[in-house]
Amino acid sequence: MLLVNNFCNRSDADAAATNLDLEGYLALVAQARGTVDYAERTQVITQIQEKLFDYCTIMPLMRDNDFRCWRSDIQGIVYTNTGGFYLNDVGYTGE
């Protein structure tokens, strides 16, 4: 719901440019927020996602064949200039 909420809470100009049915969209979001049953809420969220697909360009924020980790208690990861990394000397400094 966080991404759905963020999409709804943009400026009016942005929303008008990318959502041709803003009122219907907001009504679906309100319905999803008020639906307790998981299966029913999933159906409403599916409708919301279909609206997102219709009106917005969606950029994936992950790649399933790569990963990165950033934690202060993991040390020794060596990053290359091309974005790759080596795990040869990785160590855990936490408890």
C-alpha atoms as a PDB file:
ATOM      1  CA  MET A   1       0.000   0.000   0.000  1.00  0.00           C
ATOM      2  CA  LEU A   2       2.938   2.346   0.506  1.00  0.00           C
ATOM      3  CA  LEU A   3       3.613   2.735  -3.224  1.00  0.00           C
ATOM      4  CA  VAL A   4      -0.090   3.162  -3.892  1.00  0.00           C
ATOM      5  CA  ASN A   5      -0.319   5.855  -1.210  1.00  0.00           C
ATOM      6  CA  ASN A   6       2.749   7.654  -2.544  1.00  0.00           C
ATOM      7  CA  PHE A   7       1.273   7.615  -6.042  1.00  0.00           C
ATOM      8  CA  CYS A   8      -1.945   9.192  -4.749  1.00  0.00           C
ATOM      9  CA  ASN A   9      -0.239  11.856  -2.664  1.00  0.00           C
ATOM     10  CA  ARG A  10       1.592  13.599  -5.503  1.00  0.00           C
ATOM     11  CA  SER A  11       0.869  17.121  -6.648  1.00  0.00           C
ATOM     12  CA  ASP A  12      -2.383  17.686  -8.528  1.00  0.00           C
ATOM     13  CA  ALA A  13      -0.479  18.590 -11.708  1.00  0.00           C
ATOM     14  CA  ASP A  14       1.503  15.341 -11.651  1.00  0.00           C
ATOM     15  CA  ALA A  15      -1.584  13.280 -10.921  1.00  0.00           C
ATOM     16  CA  ALA A  16      -3.584  14.916 -13.707  1.00  0.00           C
ATOM     17  CA  ALA A  17      -0.819  14.235 -16.225  1.00  0.00           C
ATOM     18  CA  THR A  18      -0.471  10.538 -15.453  1.00  0.00           C
ATOM     19  CA  ASN A  19      -3.838   9.339 -14.160  1.00  0.00           C
ATOM     20  CA  LEU A  20      -6.818   9.802 -16.439  1.00  0.00           C
ATOM     21  CA  ASP A  21      -9.248   8.510 -13.791  1.00  0.00           C
ATOM     22  CA  LEU A  22      -7.953  10.074 -10.580  1.00  0.00           C
ATOM     23  CA  GLU A  23     -11.314  10.016  -8.786  1.00  0.00           C
ATOM     24  CA  GLY A  24     -11.850   6.337  -9.574  1.00  0.00           C
ATOM     25  CA  TYR A  25      -8.300   5.590  -8.533  1.00  0.00           C
ATOM     26  CA  LEU A  26      -8.671   7.387  -5.203  1.00  0.00           C
ATOM     27  CA  ALA A  27     -11.955   5.559  -4.587  1.00  0.00           C
ATOM     28  CA  LEU A  28     -10.202   2.208  -5.094  1.00  0.00           C
ATOM     29  CA  VAL A  29      -7.406   3.227  -2.719  1.00  0.00           C
ATOM     30  CA  ALA A  30      -9.964   4.204  -0.067  1.00  0.00           C
ATOM     31  CA  GLN A  31     -11.727   0.874  -0.602  1.00  0.00           C
ATOM     32  CA  ALA A  32      -8.456  -1.062  -0.225  1.00  0.00           C
ATOM     33  CA  ARG A  33      -7.573   0.839   2.947  1.00  0.00           C
ATOM     34  CA  GLY A  34     -10.924  -0.080   4.466  1.00  0.00           C
ATOM     35  CA  THR A  35     -10.946  -3.746   3.453  1.00  0.00           C
ATOM     36  CA  VAL A  36      -9.795  -6.116   6.185  1.00  0.00           C
ATOM     37  CA  ASP A  37     -10.244  -9.422   4.355  1.00  0.00           C
ATOM     38  CA  TYR A  38      -6.980 -10.351   2.610  1.00  0.00           C
ATOM     39  CA  ALA A  39      -8.549 -11.922  -0.488  1.00  0.00           C
ATOM     40  CA  GLU A  40     -10.959  -9.025  -1.020  1.00  0.00           C
ATOM     41  CA  ARG A  41      -8.200  -6.444  -0.485  1.00  0.00           C
ATOM     42  CA  THR A  42      -5.958  -8.303  -2.938  1.00  0.00           C
ATOM     43  CA  GLN A  43      -8.646  -8.027  -5.626  1.00  0.00           C
ATOM     44  CA  VAL A  44      -8.926  -4.273  -5.063  1.00  0.00           C
ATOM     45  CA  ILE A  45      -5.143  -3.820  -5.080  1.00  0.00           C
ATOM     46  CA  THR A  46      -5.022  -5.785  -8.344  1.00  0.00           C
ATOM     47  CA  GLN A  47      -7.428  -3.254  -9.857  1.00  0.00           C
ATOM     48  CA  ILE A  48      -5.233  -0.432  -8.549  1.00  0.00           C
ATOM     49  CA  GLN A  49      -2.143  -2.022 -10.086  1.00  0.00           C
ATOM     50  CA  GLU A  50      -3.923  -2.347 -13.417  1.00  0.00           C
ATOM     51  CA  LYS A  51      -4.583   1.399 -13.321  1.00  0.00           C
ATOM     52  CA  LEU A  52      -0.896   1.999 -12.594  1.00  0.00           C
ATOM     53  CA  PHE A  53       0.059  -0.157 -15.572  1.00  0.00           C
ATOM     54  CA  ASP A  54      -2.383   1.712 -17.803  1.00  0.00           C
ATOM     55  CA  TYR A  55      -1.306   5.233 -16.857  1.00  0.00           C
ATOM     56  CA  CYS A  56       2.285   5.098 -15.652  1.00  0.00           C
ATOM     57  CA  THR A  57       5.688   3.967 -16.732  1.00  0.00           C
ATOM     58  CA  ILE A  58       6.877   1.524 -14.109  1.00  0.00           C
ATOM     59  CA  MET A  59      10.613   1.094 -13.639  1.00  0.00           C
ATOM     60  CA  PRO A  60      11.791  -2.058 -11.863  1.00  0.00           C
ATOM     61  CA  LEU A  61      13.960  -1.288  -8.857  1.00  0.00           C
ATOM     62  CA  MET A  62      15.606  -4.693  -8.604  1.00  0.00           C
ATOM     63  CA  ARG A  63      17.421  -7.240 -10.683  1.00  0.00           C
ATOM     64  CA  ASP A  64      16.897 -10.894  -9.900  1.00  0.00           C
ATOM     65  CA  ASN A  65      20.393 -11.858 -11.045  1.00  0.00           C
ATOM     66  CA  ASP A  66      22.365  -9.453  -8.869  1.00  0.00           C
ATOM     67  CA  PHE A  67      22.362  -8.117  -5.343  1.00  0.00           C
ATOM     68  CA  ARG A  68      24.034  -5.562  -3.121  1.00  0.00           C
ATOM     69  CA  CYS A  69      24.374  -5.417   0.615  1.00  0.00           C
ATOM     70  CA  TRP A  70      25.071  -2.438   2.823  1.00  0.00           C
ATOM     71  CA  ARG A  71      25.399  -3.113   6.516  1.00  0.00           C
ATOM     72  CA  SER A  72      27.887  -1.642   8.916  1.00  0.00           C
ATOM     73  CA  ASP A  73      28.616  -5.048  10.451  1.00  0.00           C
ATOM     74  CA  ILE A  74      29.609  -6.649   7.112  1.00  0.00           C
ATOM     75  CA  GLN A  75      33.179  -5.776   6.161  1.00  0.00           C
ATOM     76  CA  GLY A  76      35.524  -6.732   3.324  1.00  0.00           C
ATOM     77  CA  ILE A  77      33.344  -6.416   0.229  1.00  0.00           C
ATOM     78  CA  VAL A  78      35.515  -5.058  -2.588  1.00  0.00           C
ATOM     79  CA  TYR A  79      33.630  -3.150  -5.309  1.00  0.00           C
ATOM     80  CA  THR A  80      34.980  -2.858  -8.842  1.00  0.00           C
ATOM     81  CA  ASN A  81      34.766   0.162 -11.158  1.00  0.00           C
ATOM     82  CA  THR A  82      32.064  -1.586 -13.185  1.00  0.00           C
ATOM     83  CA  GLY A  83      29.765  -2.161 -10.211  1.00  0.00           C
ATOM     84  CA  GLY A  84      30.693  -5.754  -9.535  1.00  0.00           C
ATOM     85  CA  PHE A  85      32.132  -6.938  -6.267  1.00  0.00           C
ATOM     86  CA  TYR A  86      34.252  -9.654  -4.697  1.00  0.00           C
ATOM     87  CA  LEU A  87      33.278 -11.569  -1.578  1.00  0.00           C
ATOM     88  CA  ASN A  88      36.666 -13.207  -0.931  1.00  0.00           C
ATOM     89  CA  ASP A  89      37.428 -11.441   2.343  1.00  0.00           C
ATOM     90  CA  VAL A  90      33.961 -10.722   3.684  1.00  0.00           C
ATOM     91  CA  GLY A  91      33.633 -10.832   7.425  1.00  0.00           C
ATOM     92  CA  TYR A  92      30.893 -10.199   9.952  1.00  0.00           C
ATOM     93  CA  THR A  93      31.803  -7.880  12.821  1.00  0.00           C
ATOM     94  CA  GLY A  94      28.485  -8.058  14.681  1.00  0.00           C
ATOM     95  CA  GLU A  95      27.434 -10.375  17.455  1.00  0.00           C
END
